[in-house]
Amino acid sequence: MKNNQNSSNPQTKHVAVIGAGIVGVNCALELQSLGFQVTLIDPEGIGEGCSKGNAGHFATEQVFPLAEVNLLWQFPKLLLDPLGPMALSPRYFVKALPWFWQFMTNMLASKRARNTAALQALNKNAIAYYQPLLRAANAEHLLTCNGSLLVFESSNRQDAVAMLEKYQQAGVAVKLLDREQTLLLEPNLSKKINFALYFTEVAHTANPYEICQVLAAQAKQLGMTFLAAKVSHIHYGDDKINLEFCPQHMAQQSSALSEQSFDHLVIATGAWSQSLLAQLGYKLPIEAERGYSLDLSPTTKDSLTRPVASAERKFIITPMAHGLRLAGTVEFAGLKQKANMKRAHMLYKNALHLLDDIPKLAQKNAAEQAGWLGCRPSLPDSLPVIGRAPNHPNIQFALGHQHLGLTLGAITGKLIGQELTNQRPDIDLQPYSISRFN
């Protein structure tokens, strides 16, 4: 770590971290470890949003922004199928247009190259940042470094090789496997799979929710406090930040005030960040990429030993403590529309094509019972916002991690800690500044 002289005494500073997902928890743990007095704030509890039902994949291989030119020709087909890998609610179409316009401008070669380099910098050592945290919490068993597979059913070898070379040129550790080699790694995969890319340096967890809980518990042991409340307004001053809370979310906080003062603030509110940043005068073109997951109990021991994603079907299967989790796809329908659990059921139909032995859904409405929806906080350039607010030196942003919230949680916490203590960050934070949208 590269240090400059600290210009503040953390022990005299009170920091509020708004948002208790994996990113906010990592920020809170890092800051509490540095000696700050941290209050973590969330109305839903710790790890109850995207950090609960996600795929559990530490996807450091995902160094390419989502915006690529090839998507332009696929959009009509993708959007016409309501249960396809990508869906756009007709009711939400007009509201989503500005985001899609900015998304398409990021397809330009120069922007795409710049955004790829920024993702590479974050992903390169992202898993290594988790290891000391989990070791300190006696939870190293929650991180399995067993690689992952991207499997191809209908794509030809030429397509698989082209993708292999693309990842290799980006510095990703990956091998091309044929059917026999793939089945040696994962015997329960279908014989219809022709090829696989084997990402050898990625990881997964059998319980992403538990990772959030154990890191939060570690922060609490160090002195962090948790406040179950919803922040309604941020009142900014040069020396203090006052947070005003919604009264209806304070009913069980009898000792809490309707407003509290802090020396520093970290906003880690994911897909719900836009309104809070607007109060501070910042534009944030964020969309909720709604992703679904479906949990299954195993029928055989070790039915999978690592995450398996489908190149054609755009979803992933991860071995979990309870069995298997099917996750993925993208739905643009905003934050308020009711979940469409048919999309969770669709994941099961896709999994039937990838696995030889798969648990049966016990009843017709099983997907309604086992399905889950999480809102990924996605920005048009696929980069998060990390770092100091340009016009508010004692406010930090840690949000917009799209599909990589779990992956980038620990490194984000480290970077926020370095910024807040005036150390030189481990990587240049300029590409992730909110100023790129303002």
Protein backbone atom coordinates (compact mmCIF):
# COMPACT_ATOMS: atom_id res chain seq x y z
CA MET A 1 0.00 0.00 0.00
CA LYS A 2 1.29 3.46 -0.89
CA ASN A 3 0.76 5.97 1.94
CA ASN A 4 0.93 9.71 2.20
CA GLN A 5 0.86 11.57 5.50
CA ASN A 6 -2.56 11.39 7.16
CA SER A 7 -4.15 14.82 7.51
CA SER A 8 -7.00 13.71 9.79
CA ASN A 9 -7.38 11.84 13.05
CA PRO A 10 -9.89 9.06 12.38
CA GLN A 11 -10.60 8.51 16.06
CA THR A 12 -12.28 11.92 16.29
CA LYS A 13 -14.40 11.44 13.16
CA HIS A 14 -17.89 9.96 12.85
CA VAL A 15 -18.72 8.49 9.44
CA ALA A 16 -22.14 7.52 8.11
CA VAL A 17 -22.29 4.82 5.44
CA ILE A 18 -25.68 4.75 3.75
CA GLY A 19 -26.44 1.36 2.21
CA ALA A 20 -25.76 -2.00 3.88
CA GLY A 21 -25.16 -4.15 0.82
CA ILE A 22 -21.81 -5.83 0.22
CA VAL A 23 -20.23 -2.56 -0.96
CA GLY A 24 -21.47 -0.52 1.99
CA VAL A 25 -20.50 -3.24 4.47
CA ASN A 26 -16.97 -3.36 3.06
CA CYS A 27 -16.70 0.42 3.29
CA ALA A 28 -17.94 0.34 6.89
CA LEU A 29 -15.51 -2.43 7.86
CA GLU A 30 -12.52 -0.70 6.28
CA LEU A 31 -13.30 2.65 7.88
CA GLN A 32 -13.97 1.15 11.30
CA SER A 33 -10.67 -0.75 10.99
CA LEU A 34 -8.92 2.55 10.31
CA GLY A 35 -10.24 3.98 13.58
CA PHE A 36 -13.27 5.96 12.43
CA GLN A 37 -16.55 5.64 14.33
CA VAL A 38 -18.90 4.26 11.70
CA THR A 39 -22.68 4.14 11.58
CA LEU A 40 -24.04 1.88 8.84
CA ILE A 41 -27.55 2.89 7.77
CA ASP A 42 -30.14 0.92 5.80
CA PRO A 43 -33.92 0.58 6.20
CA GLU A 44 -34.00 -3.06 5.09
CA GLY A 45 -31.21 -4.50 7.22
CA ILE A 46 -27.75 -5.79 6.34
CA GLY A 47 -27.35 -7.58 3.01
CA GLU A 48 -31.07 -7.67 2.20
CA GLY A 49 -30.86 -6.28 -1.35
CA CYS A 50 -28.72 -7.43 -4.29
CA SER A 51 -26.21 -8.89 -1.85
CA LYS A 52 -28.63 -11.63 -0.79
CA GLY A 53 -29.76 -13.65 -3.79
CA ASN A 54 -27.04 -13.01 -6.36
CA ALA A 55 -25.06 -15.66 -8.23
CA GLY A 56 -22.20 -15.67 -5.74
CA HIS A 57 -19.68 -15.35 -8.57
CA PHE A 58 -16.52 -13.27 -8.05
CA ALA A 59 -16.43 -12.45 -11.74
CA THR A 60 -12.98 -10.95 -12.22
CA GLU A 61 -13.04 -12.19 -15.81
CA GLN A 62 -15.77 -9.69 -16.66
CA VAL A 63 -13.46 -6.91 -17.84
CA PHE A 64 -15.51 -5.92 -20.88
CA PRO A 65 -18.18 -3.19 -20.62
CA LEU A 66 -21.70 -4.29 -21.48
CA ALA A 67 -21.96 -1.70 -24.27
CA GLU A 68 -20.65 -3.28 -27.46
CA VAL A 69 -21.60 -2.69 -31.10
CA ASN A 70 -22.71 -6.29 -31.69
CA LEU A 71 -25.63 -5.70 -29.33
CA LEU A 72 -27.21 -3.26 -31.78
CA TRP A 73 -28.12 -6.06 -34.17
CA GLN A 74 -29.34 -8.26 -31.33
CA PHE A 75 -31.55 -5.70 -29.58
CA PRO A 76 -34.76 -6.32 -31.62
CA LYS A 77 -34.61 -10.08 -31.11
CA LEU A 78 -33.70 -9.76 -27.45
CA LEU A 79 -36.44 -7.29 -26.64
CA LEU A 80 -39.23 -9.02 -28.57
CA ASP A 81 -39.02 -12.08 -26.34
CA PRO A 82 -40.45 -11.18 -22.90
CA LEU A 83 -38.70 -14.20 -21.39
CA GLY A 84 -35.45 -13.85 -23.31
CA PRO A 85 -32.07 -12.97 -21.76
CA MET A 86 -32.93 -9.26 -21.99
CA ALA A 87 -36.34 -7.67 -21.53
CA LEU A 88 -37.62 -4.09 -21.56
CA SER A 89 -40.99 -3.40 -20.01
CA PRO A 90 -43.24 -1.51 -22.49
CA ARG A 91 -44.43 0.67 -19.60
CA TYR A 92 -40.84 1.64 -18.87
CA PHE A 93 -39.59 2.09 -22.43
CA VAL A 94 -39.74 5.92 -22.70
CA LYS A 95 -38.16 6.45 -19.28
CA ALA A 96 -35.26 4.12 -20.18
CA LEU A 97 -34.46 5.80 -23.52
CA PRO A 98 -31.98 8.41 -22.16
CA TRP A 99 -30.01 5.67 -20.43
CA PHE A 100 -29.92 3.54 -23.58
CA TRP A 101 -28.72 6.52 -25.60
CA GLN A 102 -25.78 7.02 -23.25
CA PHE A 103 -25.22 3.26 -23.26
CA MET A 104 -24.91 3.29 -27.05
CA THR A 105 -22.47 6.20 -27.06
CA ASN A 106 -20.20 4.05 -24.90
CA MET A 107 -20.00 1.55 -27.76
CA LEU A 108 -17.54 3.89 -29.51
CA ALA A 109 -14.16 2.17 -29.79
CA SER A 110 -12.25 4.84 -27.88
CA LYS A 111 -14.71 4.87 -24.97
CA ARG A 112 -14.95 1.09 -24.88
CA ALA A 113 -11.15 0.74 -24.70
CA ARG A 114 -10.97 3.29 -21.88
CA ASN A 115 -13.79 1.63 -19.94
CA THR A 116 -12.23 -1.82 -20.40
CA ALA A 117 -8.93 -0.59 -18.97
CA ALA A 118 -10.77 0.84 -15.95
CA LEU A 119 -12.60 -2.45 -15.32
CA GLN A 120 -9.33 -4.37 -15.66
CA ALA A 121 -7.72 -2.17 -13.02
CA LEU A 122 -10.52 -2.87 -10.53
CA ASN A 123 -10.87 -6.58 -11.26
CA LYS A 124 -7.20 -7.50 -11.41
CA ASN A 125 -6.71 -8.10 -7.68
CA ALA A 126 -10.30 -7.87 -6.45
CA ILE A 127 -10.35 -11.35 -4.90
CA ALA A 128 -7.06 -10.75 -3.06
CA TYR A 129 -8.65 -7.82 -1.21
CA TYR A 130 -11.27 -10.18 0.28
CA GLN A 131 -8.85 -12.80 1.59
CA PRO A 132 -7.47 -10.92 4.64
CA LEU A 133 -10.97 -9.73 5.57
CA LEU A 134 -12.40 -13.25 5.55
CA ARG A 135 -9.32 -14.58 7.37
CA ALA A 136 -9.81 -12.04 10.15
CA ALA A 137 -13.48 -13.04 10.40
CA ASN A 138 -12.65 -16.79 10.45
CA ALA A 139 -14.70 -17.13 7.27
CA GLU A 140 -12.17 -18.18 4.64
CA HIS A 141 -14.40 -21.18 3.87
CA LEU A 142 -16.89 -18.78 2.26
CA LEU A 143 -14.53 -18.11 -0.66
CA THR A 144 -13.83 -20.95 -3.09
CA CYS A 145 -11.13 -20.31 -5.70
CA ASN A 146 -12.08 -23.07 -8.11
CA GLY A 147 -12.53 -21.16 -11.36
CA SER A 148 -15.66 -21.05 -13.52
CA LEU A 149 -16.84 -22.29 -16.89
CA LEU A 150 -18.50 -20.52 -19.82
CA VAL A 151 -20.08 -23.29 -21.91
CA PHE A 152 -21.09 -23.34 -25.57
CA GLU A 153 -23.90 -25.49 -26.94
CA SER A 154 -24.54 -24.26 -30.51
CA SER A 155 -21.59 -21.95 -31.13
CA ASN A 156 -18.85 -23.38 -33.30
CA ARG A 157 -15.20 -23.77 -32.36
CA GLN A 158 -14.24 -20.66 -34.31
CA ASP A 159 -16.54 -18.53 -32.15
CA ALA A 160 -15.19 -20.09 -28.96
CA VAL A 161 -11.59 -19.50 -30.05
CA ALA A 162 -12.36 -15.88 -30.94
CA MET A 163 -13.76 -15.32 -27.45
CA LEU A 164 -10.79 -17.11 -25.89
CA GLU A 165 -8.35 -14.82 -27.68
CA LYS A 166 -10.36 -11.76 -26.69
CA TYR A 167 -10.07 -12.65 -23.00
CA GLN A 168 -6.41 -13.62 -23.30
CA GLN A 169 -5.57 -10.29 -24.92
CA ALA A 170 -7.26 -8.60 -21.95
CA GLY A 171 -4.98 -10.46 -19.54
CA VAL A 172 -7.62 -12.92 -18.26
CA ALA A 173 -6.39 -16.42 -17.32
CA VAL A 174 -8.51 -18.77 -19.44
CA LYS A 175 -8.28 -22.12 -21.25
CA LEU A 176 -10.36 -23.61 -24.07
CA LEU A 177 -11.79 -27.04 -23.27
CA ASP A 178 -13.46 -29.53 -25.59
CA ARG A 179 -16.47 -31.61 -24.56
CA GLU A 180 -14.44 -34.40 -22.97
CA GLN A 181 -12.29 -32.01 -20.95
CA THR A 182 -15.37 -30.07 -19.83
CA LEU A 183 -17.15 -33.20 -18.63
CA LEU A 184 -14.07 -34.33 -16.72
CA LEU A 185 -14.34 -31.12 -14.70
CA GLU A 186 -18.13 -31.20 -14.35
CA PRO A 187 -19.60 -34.67 -15.09
CA ASN A 188 -23.17 -33.49 -14.51
CA LEU A 189 -23.09 -31.17 -17.52
CA SER A 190 -25.04 -32.11 -20.62
CA LYS A 191 -23.31 -34.02 -23.43
CA LYS A 192 -24.75 -31.38 -25.77
CA ILE A 193 -22.08 -28.93 -24.64
CA ASN A 194 -19.37 -28.71 -27.28
CA PHE A 195 -16.79 -26.35 -25.77
CA ALA A 196 -16.08 -24.36 -22.63
CA LEU A 197 -13.89 -21.49 -21.56
CA TYR A 198 -12.31 -22.34 -18.21
CA PHE A 199 -11.51 -19.20 -16.20
CA THR A 200 -8.94 -20.51 -13.78
CA GLU A 201 -8.48 -17.55 -11.42
CA VAL A 202 -12.04 -16.57 -10.51
CA ALA A 203 -13.91 -17.58 -7.36
CA HIS A 204 -17.38 -18.15 -5.95
CA THR A 205 -19.13 -18.34 -2.62
CA ALA A 206 -21.71 -20.85 -1.48
CA ASN A 207 -23.49 -18.09 0.45
CA PRO A 208 -23.12 -14.43 -0.63
CA TYR A 209 -25.57 -13.33 2.05
CA GLU A 210 -23.42 -14.89 4.78
CA ILE A 211 -20.32 -13.09 3.49
CA CYS A 212 -22.18 -9.81 3.97
CA GLN A 213 -23.24 -10.86 7.46
CA VAL A 214 -19.82 -12.02 8.69
CA LEU A 215 -18.06 -8.88 7.43
CA ALA A 216 -20.72 -6.72 9.10
CA ALA A 217 -20.31 -8.72 12.32
CA GLN A 218 -16.56 -8.12 12.16
CA ALA A 219 -17.16 -4.38 11.78
CA LYS A 220 -19.55 -4.46 14.76
CA GLN A 221 -16.91 -6.19 16.88
CA LEU A 222 -14.61 -3.28 16.08
CA GLY A 223 -17.26 -0.79 17.19
CA MET A 224 -19.47 -0.10 14.17
CA THR A 225 -23.13 0.58 14.89
CA PHE A 226 -26.05 -0.23 12.63
CA LEU A 227 -29.11 1.98 12.25
CA ALA A 228 -32.22 0.59 10.54
CA ALA A 229 -33.47 3.82 8.98
CA LYS A 230 -34.13 5.47 5.64
CA VAL A 231 -32.35 8.72 4.87
CA SER A 232 -34.76 11.24 3.39
CA HIS A 233 -32.54 14.34 3.17
CA ILE A 234 -28.86 15.21 3.28
CA HIS A 235 -28.10 18.65 4.72
CA TYR A 236 -24.52 19.56 3.87
CA GLY A 237 -22.29 21.89 5.85
CA ASP A 238 -18.59 22.64 5.62
CA ASP A 239 -17.82 20.88 8.89
CA LYS A 240 -20.87 18.63 9.48
CA ILE A 241 -23.33 16.60 7.43
CA ASN A 242 -26.84 16.26 8.87
CA LEU A 243 -28.91 13.27 7.81
CA GLU A 244 -32.67 13.47 8.14
CA PHE A 245 -34.56 10.19 8.47
CA CYS A 246 -38.04 9.17 7.31
CA PRO A 247 -40.25 8.98 10.45
CA GLN A 248 -42.02 5.79 9.32
CA HIS A 249 -38.67 3.99 9.23
CA MET A 250 -37.69 5.09 12.73
CA ALA A 251 -40.49 3.44 14.72
CA GLN A 252 -38.22 0.77 16.22
CA GLN A 253 -35.32 3.17 16.79
CA SER A 254 -36.61 4.68 20.01
CA SER A 255 -33.22 6.04 21.00
CA ALA A 256 -32.48 7.52 17.59
CA LEU A 257 -33.15 11.09 16.59
CA SER A 258 -34.98 12.13 13.44
CA GLU A 259 -31.73 13.81 12.39
CA GLN A 260 -28.09 13.02 13.14
CA SER A 261 -24.79 14.76 12.41
CA PHE A 262 -21.64 13.21 10.94
CA ASP A 263 -18.19 14.36 9.92
CA HIS A 264 -18.07 12.25 6.75
CA LEU A 265 -20.56 10.44 4.57
CA VAL A 266 -20.25 7.46 2.22
CA ILE A 267 -23.17 6.86 -0.14
CA ALA A 268 -23.36 3.20 -1.16
CA THR A 269 -27.04 2.94 -2.03
CA GLY A 270 -26.78 1.09 -5.35
CA ALA A 271 -29.75 1.41 -7.69
CA TRP A 272 -31.47 3.77 -5.20
CA SER A 273 -28.72 6.42 -5.37
CA GLN A 274 -30.12 8.85 -7.92
CA SER A 275 -32.39 10.89 -5.64
CA LEU A 276 -29.79 11.26 -2.89
CA LEU A 277 -27.14 12.47 -5.34
CA ALA A 278 -29.65 14.86 -6.91
CA GLN A 279 -30.03 16.57 -3.51
CA LEU A 280 -26.30 17.31 -3.69
CA GLY A 281 -26.53 18.60 -7.25
CA TYR A 282 -25.05 15.59 -9.10
CA LYS A 283 -26.51 13.86 -12.13
CA LEU A 284 -26.41 10.07 -12.02
CA PRO A 285 -27.69 8.17 -15.10
CA ILE A 286 -28.30 4.92 -13.24
CA GLU A 287 -30.69 2.12 -14.15
CA ALA A 288 -31.91 -0.88 -12.19
CA GLU A 289 -30.91 -3.93 -14.23
CA ARG A 290 -33.34 -6.34 -12.65
CA GLY A 291 -31.86 -9.82 -12.31
CA TYR A 292 -33.63 -12.96 -11.12
CA SER A 293 -32.43 -16.07 -9.34
CA LEU A 294 -34.00 -19.43 -8.48
CA ASP A 295 -32.76 -21.75 -5.74
CA LEU A 296 -32.85 -25.54 -6.15
CA SER A 297 -32.00 -28.36 -3.77
CA PRO A 298 -29.42 -30.83 -5.10
CA THR A 299 -30.36 -34.32 -6.26
CA THR A 300 -26.81 -35.62 -6.24
CA LYS A 301 -23.79 -34.78 -4.14
CA ASP A 302 -21.45 -32.33 -5.87
CA SER A 303 -23.75 -31.86 -8.88
CA LEU A 304 -21.49 -28.88 -9.73
CA THR A 305 -18.23 -27.76 -8.15
CA ARG A 306 -17.87 -24.32 -9.73
CA PRO A 307 -20.08 -21.70 -11.46
CA VAL A 308 -21.18 -22.61 -15.00
CA ALA A 309 -22.46 -19.86 -17.31
CA SER A 310 -24.10 -20.32 -20.69
CA ALA A 311 -22.71 -18.35 -23.63
CA GLU A 312 -25.97 -18.65 -25.56
CA ARG A 313 -28.57 -18.51 -22.78
CA LYS A 314 -26.93 -15.71 -20.76
CA PHE A 315 -27.40 -17.14 -17.27
CA ILE A 316 -25.28 -18.88 -14.64
CA ILE A 317 -25.57 -21.87 -12.31
CA THR A 318 -23.62 -21.73 -9.04
CA PRO A 319 -23.22 -24.43 -6.38
CA MET A 320 -24.54 -23.07 -3.10
CA ALA A 321 -24.73 -24.28 0.48
CA HIS A 322 -28.37 -25.19 -0.09
CA GLY A 323 -27.88 -26.78 -3.52
CA LEU A 324 -27.86 -24.84 -6.78
CA ARG A 325 -28.68 -21.25 -7.65
CA LEU A 326 -29.75 -20.26 -11.17
CA ALA A 327 -29.23 -16.56 -11.83
CA GLY A 328 -28.93 -13.96 -14.53
CA THR A 329 -30.63 -12.25 -17.45
CA VAL A 330 -31.56 -8.56 -17.56
CA GLU A 331 -34.92 -6.83 -17.23
CA PHE A 332 -35.39 -3.06 -17.54
CA ALA A 333 -38.54 -2.18 -15.63
CA GLY A 334 -37.41 0.28 -12.96
CA LEU A 335 -37.43 -0.08 -9.21
CA LYS A 336 -41.16 -0.12 -8.52
CA GLN A 337 -42.74 -2.66 -10.88
CA LYS A 338 -43.76 -5.97 -9.40
CA ALA A 339 -41.38 -8.87 -9.94
CA ASN A 340 -42.14 -11.09 -12.93
CA MET A 341 -41.31 -14.51 -11.51
CA LYS A 342 -41.90 -16.10 -14.89
CA ARG A 343 -38.37 -14.91 -15.59
CA ALA A 344 -37.11 -16.94 -12.63
CA HIS A 345 -38.97 -19.98 -13.97
CA MET A 346 -37.34 -19.37 -17.37
CA LEU A 347 -33.95 -19.90 -15.72
CA TYR A 348 -35.04 -23.40 -14.75
CA LYS A 349 -36.11 -24.19 -18.31
CA ASN A 350 -32.67 -23.10 -19.53
CA ALA A 351 -30.91 -25.16 -16.86
CA LEU A 352 -32.66 -28.29 -18.15
CA HIS A 353 -30.49 -27.97 -21.27
CA LEU A 354 -27.21 -27.68 -19.34
CA LEU A 355 -27.48 -30.29 -16.59
CA ASP A 356 -28.06 -34.04 -16.86
CA ASP A 357 -29.33 -34.33 -13.30
CA ILE A 358 -31.40 -31.42 -12.06
CA PRO A 359 -33.98 -31.19 -9.25
CA LYS A 360 -37.58 -31.00 -10.38
CA LEU A 361 -39.75 -28.09 -9.36
CA ALA A 362 -42.07 -29.65 -6.84
CA GLN A 363 -45.22 -27.80 -7.86
CA LYS A 364 -46.60 -25.46 -10.45
CA ASN A 365 -45.95 -22.27 -8.50
CA ALA A 366 -42.55 -23.34 -7.12
CA ALA A 367 -40.82 -20.53 -9.00
CA GLU A 368 -43.02 -18.03 -7.17
CA GLN A 369 -41.81 -19.46 -3.87
CA ALA A 370 -38.14 -19.92 -4.67
CA GLY A 371 -37.60 -17.01 -7.06
CA TRP A 372 -35.78 -13.80 -6.13
CA LEU A 373 -35.35 -10.40 -7.75
CA GLY A 374 -32.44 -8.03 -7.26
CA CYS A 375 -31.83 -4.63 -8.87
CA ARG A 376 -28.29 -4.26 -10.19
CA PRO A 377 -27.15 -0.60 -10.15
CA SER A 378 -25.92 -0.07 -13.71
CA LEU A 379 -24.38 2.97 -15.35
CA PRO A 380 -24.08 3.37 -19.15
CA ASP A 381 -20.31 2.85 -19.20
CA SER A 382 -20.38 -0.24 -16.88
CA LEU A 383 -18.08 1.53 -14.40
CA PRO A 384 -18.95 2.24 -10.78
CA VAL A 385 -18.73 5.64 -9.13
CA ILE A 386 -15.99 5.50 -6.52
CA GLY A 387 -14.32 8.39 -4.73
CA ARG A 388 -14.74 11.89 -3.39
CA ALA A 389 -17.64 14.12 -4.40
CA PRO A 390 -16.09 16.99 -6.41
CA ASN A 391 -18.02 19.75 -4.61
CA HIS A 392 -18.33 18.07 -1.20
CA PRO A 393 -14.90 17.01 0.11
CA ASN A 394 -16.25 15.06 3.09
CA ILE A 395 -18.64 12.94 1.00
CA GLN A 396 -17.54 9.76 -0.77
CA PHE A 397 -19.44 7.74 -3.38
CA ALA A 398 -19.29 3.93 -3.66
CA LEU A 399 -22.10 2.91 -5.99
CA GLY A 400 -23.12 1.71 -9.45
CA HIS A 401 -21.19 -1.58 -9.54
CA GLN A 402 -23.64 -3.18 -12.04
CA HIS A 403 -22.98 -6.97 -12.20
CA LEU A 404 -19.84 -6.72 -10.07
CA GLY A 405 -20.97 -5.57 -6.64
CA LEU A 406 -19.88 -8.76 -4.89
CA THR A 407 -16.67 -8.94 -6.91
CA LEU A 408 -15.61 -5.36 -6.22
CA GLY A 409 -16.88 -4.92 -2.65
CA ALA A 410 -13.57 -5.36 -0.84
CA ILE A 411 -11.42 -3.28 -3.20
CA THR A 412 -14.04 -0.52 -3.14
CA GLY A 413 -13.93 -0.45 0.66
CA LYS A 414 -10.13 -0.24 0.58
CA LEU A 415 -10.18 2.62 -1.95
CA ILE A 416 -12.75 4.58 0.05
CA GLY A 417 -10.62 4.17 3.16
CA GLN A 418 -7.55 5.42 1.32
CA GLU A 419 -9.42 8.43 -0.01
CA LEU A 420 -10.88 9.34 3.35
CA THR A 421 -7.47 9.18 5.07
CA ASN A 422 -5.75 11.08 2.25
CA GLN A 423 -3.59 8.16 1.20
CA ARG A 424 -2.72 7.56 -2.41
CA PRO A 425 -5.27 5.00 -3.71
CA ASP A 426 -4.00 1.65 -4.92
CA ILE A 427 -5.39 2.51 -8.37
CA ASP A 428 -6.16 5.82 -10.08
CA LEU A 429 -9.76 6.78 -9.21
CA GLN A 430 -10.26 9.35 -11.97
CA PRO A 431 -12.09 6.94 -14.35
CA TYR A 432 -14.70 6.27 -11.64
CA SER A 433 -15.39 9.88 -10.66
CA ILE A 434 -18.95 11.22 -10.70
CA SER A 435 -17.54 14.15 -12.70
CA ARG A 436 -17.76 12.08 -15.89
CA PHE A 437 -21.53 12.59 -15.80
CA ASN A 438 -21.51 16.21 -14.61
